[in-house]
Amino acid sequence: MVKDEKAEELEAKGLYRRAAARWVEVMAQSNSEGDRDWIATHRKECLEKIRRPPARADDYVDLHKAVNDTQRRMGIARPNGEAFRLKGKAI
């Protein structure tokens, strides 16, 4: 088992990605094959502990509201997008 104070502090703080990077540095300095194997396993455990943010569904309600507000302020707000249609052309 290999000890590295900095990597262990990062793990204690929940900074697993940084801790995994630190373990790579420690692995490069290690002379023993057994130590390198232990570090690789421990680094893999750190990477597995990384919490990814939950995936958010696309929600364009805020964007739609901002567009409508901007068009109103610019004075080009028209129902059904008529401000952007060619005059005399019905769709």
Protein backbone atom coordinates (compact mmCIF):
# COMPACT_ATOMS: atom_id res chain seq x y z
CA MET A 1 0.00 0.00 0.00
CA VAL A 2 1.27 3.43 -0.96
CA LYS A 3 0.66 6.56 1.08
CA ASP A 4 0.40 10.02 -0.43
CA GLU A 5 -0.81 12.77 1.86
CA LYS A 6 -1.89 15.15 -0.89
CA ALA A 7 -3.94 12.54 -2.77
CA GLU A 8 -5.57 11.35 0.44
CA GLU A 9 -6.49 14.94 1.40
CA LEU A 10 -8.10 15.44 -2.00
CA GLU A 11 -10.09 12.25 -1.55
CA ALA A 12 -11.20 13.33 1.92
CA LYS A 13 -12.52 16.57 0.42
CA GLY A 14 -14.41 14.64 -2.28
CA LEU A 15 -12.16 15.91 -5.09
CA TYR A 16 -11.84 12.52 -6.69
CA ARG A 17 -10.84 13.69 -10.18
CA ARG A 18 -7.91 15.68 -8.75
CA ALA A 19 -6.99 12.79 -6.46
CA ALA A 20 -6.91 10.42 -9.44
CA ALA A 21 -4.59 12.81 -11.27
CA ARG A 22 -2.34 12.95 -8.21
CA TRP A 23 -2.24 9.15 -8.03
CA VAL A 24 -0.91 9.12 -11.61
CA GLU A 25 1.95 11.37 -10.49
CA VAL A 26 2.65 9.07 -7.55
CA MET A 27 2.56 6.05 -9.87
CA ALA A 28 5.21 7.65 -12.10
CA GLN A 29 7.53 7.96 -9.09
CA SER A 30 6.96 4.41 -7.85
CA ASN A 31 9.66 1.77 -8.35
CA SER A 32 7.68 -1.32 -7.38
CA GLU A 33 5.32 -3.14 -9.74
CA GLY A 34 3.09 -4.09 -6.80
CA ASP A 35 2.82 -0.45 -5.72
CA ARG A 36 1.93 0.60 -9.27
CA ASP A 37 -0.80 -2.07 -9.41
CA TRP A 38 -2.21 -0.88 -6.07
CA ILE A 39 -2.13 2.76 -7.22
CA ALA A 40 -3.86 1.88 -10.51
CA THR A 41 -6.62 0.07 -8.62
CA HIS A 42 -7.01 2.91 -6.14
CA ARG A 43 -7.07 5.48 -8.97
CA LYS A 44 -9.81 3.48 -10.69
CA GLU A 45 -11.83 3.56 -7.46
CA CYS A 46 -11.43 7.36 -7.33
CA LEU A 47 -12.65 7.70 -10.90
CA GLU A 48 -15.69 5.54 -10.11
CA LYS A 49 -16.60 7.82 -7.19
CA ILE A 50 -16.83 10.92 -9.37
CA ARG A 51 -20.42 12.16 -9.34
CA ARG A 52 -21.68 13.34 -12.65
CA PRO A 53 -24.35 16.01 -12.70
CA PRO A 54 -27.80 14.63 -13.53
CA ALA A 55 -28.79 14.94 -17.16
CA ARG A 56 -31.33 17.69 -17.67
CA ALA A 57 -34.08 17.43 -20.22
CA ASP A 58 -34.07 20.15 -22.85
CA ASP A 59 -36.39 22.88 -21.72
CA TYR A 60 -36.89 25.83 -24.03
CA VAL A 61 -39.59 27.61 -22.03
CA ASP A 62 -37.17 30.25 -20.74
CA LEU A 63 -35.72 30.79 -24.21
CA HIS A 64 -39.19 31.14 -25.73
CA LYS A 65 -40.17 33.69 -23.08
CA ALA A 66 -36.96 35.68 -23.64
CA VAL A 67 -37.53 35.74 -27.41
CA ASN A 68 -41.13 36.90 -27.01
CA ASP A 69 -40.11 39.63 -24.54
CA THR A 70 -37.34 40.84 -26.85
CA GLN A 71 -39.65 40.93 -29.88
CA ARG A 72 -42.21 42.89 -27.86
CA ARG A 73 -39.57 45.42 -26.77
CA MET A 74 -38.35 45.79 -30.36
CA GLY A 75 -41.92 46.31 -31.60
CA ILE A 76 -41.82 43.37 -33.99
CA ALA A 77 -44.01 40.95 -32.06
CA ARG A 78 -46.67 39.47 -34.31
CA PRO A 79 -48.81 36.36 -33.83
CA ASN A 80 -47.70 33.13 -35.51
CA GLY A 81 -44.35 34.60 -36.62
CA GLU A 82 -45.92 36.93 -39.19
CA ALA A 83 -43.12 39.47 -38.64
CA PHE A 84 -40.76 37.11 -40.44
CA ARG A 85 -42.95 36.12 -43.41
CA LEU A 86 -42.79 37.71 -46.84
CA LYS A 87 -45.70 40.05 -47.48
CA GLY A 88 -48.36 38.59 -49.72
CA LYS A 89 -47.16 35.01 -49.29
CA ALA A 90 -49.47 32.79 -47.27
CA ILE A 91 -48.26 29.58 -45.74
